[in-house]
Each structure stands twice: as structure tokens, then as C-alpha cells.
Amino acid sequence: LVGALMEHQGMVAGRAGAPAWVAFGVLGVVVGA
């Protein structure tokens, strides 16, 4: 949710061909676990 919102508002850009919400999702899983 936060990654998609930040990308939608132009705060971050996707990298390596993946949207920003993917990176934030992976980070969220690691930190949450």
C-alpha cells in the first residue's frame, strides 16, 4: 500500500523493471517476519 501510494504520487520510481510497490512489499515481508 505505501509503495503503491508513493509511486503514484511520484515520490519513488520503480527500479530494475519492477514497480516500487514490489520492493516495498518485499521489504515489508522481511521486516514484518
ModelCIF file with pLDDT and N, C-alpha, C, O atoms, coordinates in Angstrom:
data_MODEL
#
_entry.id   MODEL 
#
_entity.id                         1 
_entity.type                       polymer 
_entity.pdbx_number_of_molecules   1 
#
_entity_poly.entity_id                      1 
_entity_poly.type                           'polypeptide(L)' 
_entity_poly.nstd_linkage                   no 
_entity_poly.nstd_monomer                   no 
_entity_poly.pdbx_seq_one_letter_code       LVGALMEHQGMVAGRAGAPAWVAFGVLGVVVGA 
_entity_poly.pdbx_seq_one_letter_code_can   LVGALMEHQGMVAGRAGAPAWVAFGVLGVVVGA 
_entity_poly.pdbx_strand_id                 A 
#
loop_
_entity_poly_seq.entity_id 
_entity_poly_seq.num 
_entity_poly_seq.mon_id 
_entity_poly_seq.hetero 
1 1  LEU n 
1 2  VAL n 
1 3  GLY n 
1 4  ALA n 
1 5  LEU n 
1 6  MET n 
1 7  GLU n 
1 8  HIS n 
1 9  GLN n 
1 10 GLY n 
1 11 MET n 
1 12 VAL n 
1 13 ALA n 
1 14 GLY n 
1 15 ARG n 
1 16 ALA n 
1 17 GLY n 
1 18 ALA n 
1 19 PRO n 
1 20 ALA n 
1 21 TRP n 
1 22 VAL n 
1 23 ALA n 
1 24 PHE n 
1 25 GLY n 
1 26 VAL n 
1 27 LEU n 
1 28 GLY n 
1 29 VAL n 
1 30 VAL n 
1 31 VAL n 
1 32 GLY n 
1 33 ALA n 
#
_struct_asym.id          A 
_struct_asym.entity_id   1 
#
loop_
_ma_qa_metric.id 
_ma_qa_metric.mode 
_ma_qa_metric.name 
_ma_qa_metric.software_group_id 
_ma_qa_metric.type 
1 global pLDDT . pLDDT 
2 local  pLDDT . pLDDT 
#
_ma_qa_metric_global.metric_id      1 
_ma_qa_metric_global.metric_value   78.12 
_ma_qa_metric_global.model_id       1 
_ma_qa_metric_global.ordinal_id     1 
#
loop_
_ma_qa_metric_local.label_asym_id 
_ma_qa_metric_local.label_comp_id 
_ma_qa_metric_local.label_seq_id 
_ma_qa_metric_local.metric_id 
_ma_qa_metric_local.metric_value 
_ma_qa_metric_local.model_id 
_ma_qa_metric_local.ordinal_id 
A LEU 1  2 88.00 1 1  
A VAL 2  2 82.00 1 2  
A GLY 3  2 82.00 1 3  
A ALA 4  2 85.00 1 4  
A LEU 5  2 84.00 1 5  
A MET 6  2 77.00 1 6  
A GLU 7  2 81.00 1 7  
A HIS 8  2 83.00 1 8  
A GLN 9  2 79.00 1 9  
A GLY 10 2 78.00 1 10 
A MET 11 2 72.00 1 11 
A VAL 12 2 70.00 1 12 
A ALA 13 2 69.00 1 13 
A GLY 14 2 63.00 1 14 
A ARG 15 2 63.00 1 15 
A ALA 16 2 59.00 1 16 
A GLY 17 2 62.00 1 17 
A ALA 18 2 72.00 1 18 
A PRO 19 2 80.00 1 19 
A ALA 20 2 76.00 1 20 
A TRP 21 2 81.00 1 21 
A VAL 22 2 82.00 1 22 
A ALA 23 2 80.00 1 23 
A PHE 24 2 82.00 1 24 
A GLY 25 2 85.00 1 25 
A VAL 26 2 84.00 1 26 
A LEU 27 2 81.00 1 27 
A GLY 28 2 82.00 1 28 
A VAL 29 2 87.00 1 29 
A VAL 30 2 84.00 1 30 
A VAL 31 2 80.00 1 31 
A GLY 32 2 82.00 1 32 
A ALA 33 2 83.00 1 33 
#
loop_
_atom_site.group_PDB 
_atom_site.id 
_atom_site.type_symbol 
_atom_site.label_atom_id 
_atom_site.label_alt_id 
_atom_site.label_comp_id 
_atom_site.label_asym_id 
_atom_site.label_entity_id 
_atom_site.label_seq_id 
_atom_site.pdbx_PDB_ins_code 
_atom_site.Cartn_x 
_atom_site.Cartn_y 
_atom_site.Cartn_z 
_atom_site.occupancy 
_atom_site.B_iso_or_equiv 
_atom_site.pdbx_formal_charge 
_atom_site.auth_seq_id 
_atom_site.auth_comp_id 
_atom_site.auth_asym_id 
_atom_site.auth_atom_id 
_atom_site.pdbx_PDB_model_num 
ATOM 1   N N  . LEU A 1 1  ? 0.817  -1.215  0.000   1.00 88.00 ? 1  LEU A N  1 
ATOM 2   C CA . LEU A 1 1  ? 0.000  0.000   0.000   1.00 88.00 ? 1  LEU A CA 1 
ATOM 3   C C  . LEU A 1 1  ? 0.851  1.264   0.000   1.00 88.00 ? 1  LEU A C  1 
ATOM 4   O O  . LEU A 1 1  ? 0.606  2.180   -0.785  1.00 88.00 ? 1  LEU A O  1 
ATOM 5   N N  . VAL A 1 2  ? 1.833  1.314   0.864   1.00 82.00 ? 2  VAL A N  1 
ATOM 6   C CA . VAL A 1 2  ? 2.675  2.512   0.936   1.00 82.00 ? 2  VAL A CA 1 
ATOM 7   C C  . VAL A 1 2  ? 3.502  2.657   -0.337  1.00 82.00 ? 2  VAL A C  1 
ATOM 8   O O  . VAL A 1 2  ? 3.635  3.766   -0.856  1.00 82.00 ? 2  VAL A O  1 
ATOM 9   N N  . GLY A 1 3  ? 4.063  1.559   -0.852  1.00 82.00 ? 3  GLY A N  1 
ATOM 10  C CA . GLY A 1 3  ? 4.844  1.628   -2.084  1.00 82.00 ? 3  GLY A CA 1 
ATOM 11  C C  . GLY A 1 3  ? 4.010  2.089   -3.271  1.00 82.00 ? 3  GLY A C  1 
ATOM 12  O O  . GLY A 1 3  ? 4.470  2.903   -4.072  1.00 82.00 ? 3  GLY A O  1 
ATOM 13  N N  . ALA A 1 4  ? 2.787  1.577   -3.392  1.00 85.00 ? 4  ALA A N  1 
ATOM 14  C CA . ALA A 1 4  ? 1.908  1.985   -4.490  1.00 85.00 ? 4  ALA A CA 1 
ATOM 15  C C  . ALA A 1 4  ? 1.528  3.453   -4.362  1.00 85.00 ? 4  ALA A C  1 
ATOM 16  O O  . ALA A 1 4  ? 1.503  4.177   -5.358  1.00 85.00 ? 4  ALA A O  1 
ATOM 17  N N  . LEU A 1 5  ? 1.233  3.897   -3.148  1.00 84.00 ? 5  LEU A N  1 
ATOM 18  C CA . LEU A 1 5  ? 0.881  5.298   -2.931  1.00 84.00 ? 5  LEU A CA 1 
ATOM 19  C C  . LEU A 1 5  ? 2.060  6.214   -3.242  1.00 84.00 ? 5  LEU A C  1 
ATOM 20  O O  . LEU A 1 5  ? 1.892  7.245   -3.894  1.00 84.00 ? 5  LEU A O  1 
ATOM 21  N N  . MET A 1 6  ? 3.243  5.844   -2.781  1.00 77.00 ? 6  MET A N  1 
ATOM 22  C CA . MET A 1 6  ? 4.422  6.670   -3.033  1.00 77.00 ? 6  MET A CA 1 
ATOM 23  C C  . MET A 1 6  ? 4.742  6.728   -4.522  1.00 77.00 ? 6  MET A C  1 
ATOM 24  O O  . MET A 1 6  ? 5.109  7.783   -5.040  1.00 77.00 ? 6  MET A O  1 
ATOM 25  N N  . GLU A 1 7  ? 4.604  5.600   -5.209  1.00 81.00 ? 7  GLU A N  1 
ATOM 26  C CA . GLU A 1 7  ? 4.878  5.587   -6.645  1.00 81.00 ? 7  GLU A CA 1 
ATOM 27  C C  . GLU A 1 7  ? 3.834  6.405   -7.399  1.00 81.00 ? 7  GLU A C  1 
ATOM 28  O O  . GLU A 1 7  ? 4.171  7.128   -8.336  1.00 81.00 ? 7  GLU A O  1 
ATOM 29  N N  . HIS A 1 8  ? 2.585  6.296   -7.001  1.00 83.00 ? 8  HIS A N  1 
ATOM 30  C CA . HIS A 1 8  ? 1.508  7.051   -7.642  1.00 83.00 ? 8  HIS A CA 1 
ATOM 31  C C  . HIS A 1 8  ? 1.728  8.560   -7.515  1.00 83.00 ? 8  HIS A C  1 
ATOM 32  O O  . HIS A 1 8  ? 1.409  9.318   -8.431  1.00 83.00 ? 8  HIS A O  1 
ATOM 33  N N  . GLN A 1 9  ? 2.269  8.985   -6.387  1.00 79.00 ? 9  GLN A N  1 
ATOM 34  C CA . GLN A 1 9  ? 2.499  10.408  -6.154  1.00 79.00 ? 9  GLN A CA 1 
ATOM 35  C C  . GLN A 1 9  ? 3.868  10.874  -6.648  1.00 79.00 ? 9  GLN A C  1 
ATOM 36  O O  . GLN A 1 9  ? 4.237  12.034  -6.457  1.00 79.00 ? 9  GLN A O  1 
ATOM 37  N N  . GLY A 1 10 ? 4.620  9.974   -7.280  1.00 78.00 ? 10 GLY A N  1 
ATOM 38  C CA . GLY A 1 10 ? 5.914  10.353  -7.835  1.00 78.00 ? 10 GLY A CA 1 
ATOM 39  C C  . GLY A 1 10 ? 7.017  10.481  -6.805  1.00 78.00 ? 10 GLY A C  1 
ATOM 40  O O  . GLY A 1 10 ? 8.053  11.084  -7.087  1.00 78.00 ? 10 GLY A O  1 
ATOM 41  N N  . MET A 1 11 ? 6.820  9.928   -5.614  1.00 72.00 ? 11 MET A N  1 
ATOM 42  C CA . MET A 1 11 ? 7.833  10.039  -4.573  1.00 72.00 ? 11 MET A CA 1 
ATOM 43  C C  . MET A 1 11 ? 8.983  9.069   -4.791  1.00 72.00 ? 11 MET A C  1 
ATOM 44  O O  . MET A 1 11 ? 10.122 9.373   -4.434  1.00 72.00 ? 11 MET A O  1 
ATOM 45  N N  . VAL A 1 12 ? 8.706  7.919   -5.364  1.00 70.00 ? 12 VAL A N  1 
ATOM 46  C CA . VAL A 1 12 ? 9.738  6.936   -5.695  1.00 70.00 ? 12 VAL A CA 1 
ATOM 47  C C  . VAL A 1 12 ? 9.427  6.390   -7.080  1.00 70.00 ? 12 VAL A C  1 
ATOM 48  O O  . VAL A 1 12 ? 8.295  6.471   -7.557  1.00 70.00 ? 12 VAL A O  1 
ATOM 49  N N  . ALA A 1 13 ? 10.431 5.844   -7.705  1.00 69.00 ? 13 ALA A N  1 
ATOM 50  C CA . ALA A 1 13 ? 10.248 5.228   -9.013  1.00 69.00 ? 13 ALA A CA 1 
ATOM 51  C C  . ALA A 1 13 ? 10.670 3.767   -8.917  1.00 69.00 ? 13 ALA A C  1 
ATOM 52  O O  . ALA A 1 13 ? 11.547 3.409   -8.131  1.00 69.00 ? 13 ALA A O  1 
ATOM 53  N N  . GLY A 1 14 ? 10.039 2.942   -9.717  1.00 63.00 ? 14 GLY A N  1 
ATOM 54  C CA . GLY A 1 14 ? 10.435 1.546   -9.761  1.00 63.00 ? 14 GLY A CA 1 
ATOM 55  C C  . GLY A 1 14 ? 11.848 1.415   -10.289 1.00 63.00 ? 14 GLY A C  1 
ATOM 56  O O  . GLY A 1 14 ? 12.341 2.286   -11.006 1.00 63.00 ? 14 GLY A O  1 
ATOM 57  N N  . ARG A 1 15 ? 12.492 0.322   -9.931  1.00 63.00 ? 15 ARG A N  1 
ATOM 58  C CA . ARG A 1 15 ? 13.866 0.085   -10.373 1.00 63.00 ? 15 ARG A CA 1 
ATOM 59  C C  . ARG A 1 15 ? 13.977 -1.323  -10.897 1.00 63.00 ? 15 ARG A C  1 
ATOM 60  O O  . ARG A 1 15 ? 13.230 -2.216  -10.496 1.00 63.00 ? 15 ARG A O  1 
ATOM 61  N N  . ALA A 1 16 ? 14.905 -1.509  -11.785 1.00 59.00 ? 16 ALA A N  1 
ATOM 62  C CA . ALA A 1 16 ? 15.201 -2.822  -12.362 1.00 59.00 ? 16 ALA A CA 1 
ATOM 63  C C  . ALA A 1 16 ? 13.965 -3.443  -13.002 1.00 59.00 ? 16 ALA A C  1 
ATOM 64  O O  . ALA A 1 16 ? 13.783 -4.659  -12.951 1.00 59.00 ? 16 ALA A O  1 
ATOM 65  N N  . GLY A 1 17 ? 13.127 -2.623  -13.596 1.00 62.00 ? 17 GLY A N  1 
ATOM 66  C CA . GLY A 1 17 ? 11.957 -3.123  -14.303 1.00 62.00 ? 17 GLY A CA 1 
ATOM 67  C C  . GLY A 1 17 ? 10.788 -3.522  -13.418 1.00 62.00 ? 17 GLY A C  1 
ATOM 68  O O  . GLY A 1 17 ? 9.793  -4.043  -13.921 1.00 62.00 ? 17 GLY A O  1 
ATOM 69  N N  . ALA A 1 18 ? 10.880 -3.294  -12.121 1.00 72.00 ? 18 ALA A N  1 
ATOM 70  C CA . ALA A 1 18 ? 9.793  -3.663  -11.209 1.00 72.00 ? 18 ALA A CA 1 
ATOM 71  C C  . ALA A 1 18 ? 9.208  -2.398  -10.597 1.00 72.00 ? 18 ALA A C  1 
ATOM 72  O O  . ALA A 1 18 ? 9.942  -1.453  -10.309 1.00 72.00 ? 18 ALA A O  1 
ATOM 73  N N  . PRO A 1 19 ? 7.894  -2.372  -10.394 1.00 80.00 ? 19 PRO A N  1 
ATOM 74  C CA . PRO A 1 19 ? 7.308  -1.199  -9.739  1.00 80.00 ? 19 PRO A CA 1 
ATOM 75  C C  . PRO A 1 19 ? 7.768  -1.086  -8.285  1.00 80.00 ? 19 PRO A C  1 
ATOM 76  O O  . PRO A 1 19 ? 8.172  -2.072  -7.668  1.00 80.00 ? 19 PRO A O  1 
ATOM 77  N N  . ALA A 1 20 ? 7.700  0.129   -7.755  1.00 76.00 ? 20 ALA A N  1 
ATOM 78  C CA . ALA A 1 20 ? 8.180  0.382   -6.395  1.00 76.00 ? 20 ALA A CA 1 
ATOM 79  C C  . ALA A 1 20 ? 7.408  -0.425  -5.357  1.00 76.00 ? 20 ALA A C  1 
ATOM 80  O O  . ALA A 1 20 ? 7.979  -0.812  -4.338  1.00 76.00 ? 20 ALA A O  1 
ATOM 81  N N  . TRP A 1 21 ? 6.115  -0.690  -5.594  1.00 81.00 ? 21 TRP A N  1 
ATOM 82  C CA . TRP A 1 21 ? 5.341  -1.404  -4.578  1.00 81.00 ? 21 TRP A CA 1 
ATOM 83  C C  . TRP A 1 21 ? 5.863  -2.821  -4.381  1.00 81.00 ? 21 TRP A C  1 
ATOM 84  O O  . TRP A 1 21 ? 5.666  -3.404  -3.315  1.00 81.00 ? 21 TRP A O  1 
ATOM 85  N N  . VAL A 1 22 ? 6.527  -3.389  -5.392  1.00 82.00 ? 22 VAL A N  1 
ATOM 86  C CA . VAL A 1 22 ? 7.106  -4.735  -5.235  1.00 82.00 ? 22 VAL A CA 1 
ATOM 87  C C  . VAL A 1 22 ? 8.241  -4.682  -4.219  1.00 82.00 ? 22 VAL A C  1 
ATOM 88  O O  . VAL A 1 22 ? 8.308  -5.512  -3.312  1.00 82.00 ? 22 VAL A O  1 
ATOM 89  N N  . ALA A 1 23 ? 9.134  -3.701  -4.373  1.00 80.00 ? 23 ALA A N  1 
ATOM 90  C CA . ALA A 1 23 ? 10.256 -3.582  -3.443  1.00 80.00 ? 23 ALA A CA 1 
ATOM 91  C C  . ALA A 1 23 ? 9.770  -3.299  -2.026  1.00 80.00 ? 23 ALA A C  1 
ATOM 92  O O  . ALA A 1 23 ? 10.274 -3.880  -1.065  1.00 80.00 ? 23 ALA A O  1 
ATOM 93  N N  . PHE A 1 24 ? 8.792  -2.407  -1.897  1.00 82.00 ? 24 PHE A N  1 
ATOM 94  C CA . PHE A 1 24 ? 8.258  -2.107  -0.565  1.00 82.00 ? 24 PHE A CA 1 
ATOM 95  C C  . PHE A 1 24 ? 7.546  -3.323  0.022   1.00 82.00 ? 24 PHE A C  1 
ATOM 96  O O  . PHE A 1 24 ? 7.607  -3.550  1.230   1.00 82.00 ? 24 PHE A O  1 
ATOM 97  N N  . GLY A 1 25 ? 6.877  -4.102  -0.818  1.00 85.00 ? 25 GLY A N  1 
ATOM 98  C CA . GLY A 1 25 ? 6.220  -5.324  -0.350  1.00 85.00 ? 25 GLY A CA 1 
ATOM 99  C C  . GLY A 1 25 ? 7.214  -6.337  0.175   1.00 85.00 ? 25 GLY A C  1 
ATOM 100 O O  . GLY A 1 25 ? 7.001  -6.935  1.230   1.00 85.00 ? 25 GLY A O  1 
ATOM 101 N N  . VAL A 1 26 ? 8.309  -6.536  -0.562  1.00 84.00 ? 26 VAL A N  1 
ATOM 102 C CA . VAL A 1 26 ? 9.347  -7.475  -0.117  1.00 84.00 ? 26 VAL A CA 1 
ATOM 103 C C  . VAL A 1 26 ? 9.973  -6.992  1.191   1.00 84.00 ? 26 VAL A C  1 
ATOM 104 O O  . VAL A 1 26 ? 10.166 -7.773  2.123   1.00 84.00 ? 26 VAL A O  1 
ATOM 105 N N  . LEU A 1 27 ? 10.284 -5.713  1.247   1.00 81.00 ? 27 LEU A N  1 
ATOM 106 C CA . LEU A 1 27 ? 10.856 -5.162  2.478   1.00 81.00 ? 27 LEU A CA 1 
ATOM 107 C C  . LEU A 1 27 ? 9.887  -5.310  3.646   1.00 81.00 ? 27 LEU A C  1 
ATOM 108 O O  . LEU A 1 27 ? 10.296 -5.631  4.762   1.00 81.00 ? 27 LEU A O  1 
ATOM 109 N N  . GLY A 1 28 ? 8.609  -5.076  3.386   1.00 82.00 ? 28 GLY A N  1 
ATOM 110 C CA . GLY A 1 28 ? 7.602  -5.228  4.432   1.00 82.00 ? 28 GLY A CA 1 
ATOM 111 C C  . GLY A 1 28 ? 7.507  -6.647  4.954   1.00 82.00 ? 28 GLY A C  1 
ATOM 112 O O  . GLY A 1 28 ? 7.352  -6.861  6.157   1.00 82.00 ? 28 GLY A O  1 
ATOM 113 N N  . VAL A 1 29 ? 7.600  -7.630  4.046   1.00 87.00 ? 29 VAL A N  1 
ATOM 114 C CA . VAL A 1 29 ? 7.563  -9.036  4.467   1.00 87.00 ? 29 VAL A CA 1 
ATOM 115 C C  . VAL A 1 29 ? 8.759  -9.365  5.351   1.00 87.00 ? 29 VAL A C  1 
ATOM 116 O O  . VAL A 1 29 ? 8.607  -10.008 6.391   1.00 87.00 ? 29 VAL A O  1 
ATOM 117 N N  . VAL A 1 30 ? 9.936  -8.932  4.948   1.00 84.00 ? 30 VAL A N  1 
ATOM 118 C CA . VAL A 1 30 ? 11.150 -9.230  5.722   1.00 84.00 ? 30 VAL A CA 1 
ATOM 119 C C  . VAL A 1 30 ? 11.083 -8.583  7.103   1.00 84.00 ? 30 VAL A C  1 
ATOM 120 O O  . VAL A 1 30 ? 11.327 -9.237  8.117   1.00 84.00 ? 30 VAL A O  1 
ATOM 121 N N  . VAL A 1 31 ? 10.749 -7.294  7.133   1.00 80.00 ? 31 VAL A N  1 
ATOM 122 C CA . VAL A 1 31 ? 10.696 -6.589  8.421   1.00 80.00 ? 31 VAL A CA 1 
ATOM 123 C C  . VAL A 1 31 ? 9.563  -7.144  9.286   1.00 80.00 ? 31 VAL A C  1 
ATOM 124 O O  . VAL A 1 31 ? 9.740  -7.344  10.488  1.00 80.00 ? 31 VAL A O  1 
ATOM 125 N N  . GLY A 1 32 ? 8.403  -7.393  8.681   1.00 82.00 ? 32 GLY A N  1 
ATOM 126 C CA . GLY A 1 32 ? 7.276  -7.929  9.433   1.00 82.00 ? 32 GLY A CA 1 
ATOM 127 C C  . GLY A 1 32 ? 7.561  -9.306  10.003  1.00 82.00 ? 32 GLY A C  1 
ATOM 128 O O  . GLY A 1 32 ? 7.202  -9.597  11.144  1.00 82.00 ? 32 GLY A O  1 
ATOM 129 N N  . ALA A 1 33 ? 8.210  -10.161 9.208   1.00 83.00 ? 33 ALA A N  1 
ATOM 130 C CA . ALA A 1 33 ? 8.549  -11.509 9.693   1.00 83.00 ? 33 ALA A CA 1 
ATOM 131 C C  . ALA A 1 33 ? 9.538  -11.443 10.850  1.00 83.00 ? 33 ALA A C  1 
ATOM 132 O O  . ALA A 1 33 ? 9.935  -12.479 11.383  1.00 83.00 ? 33 ALA A O  1 
#
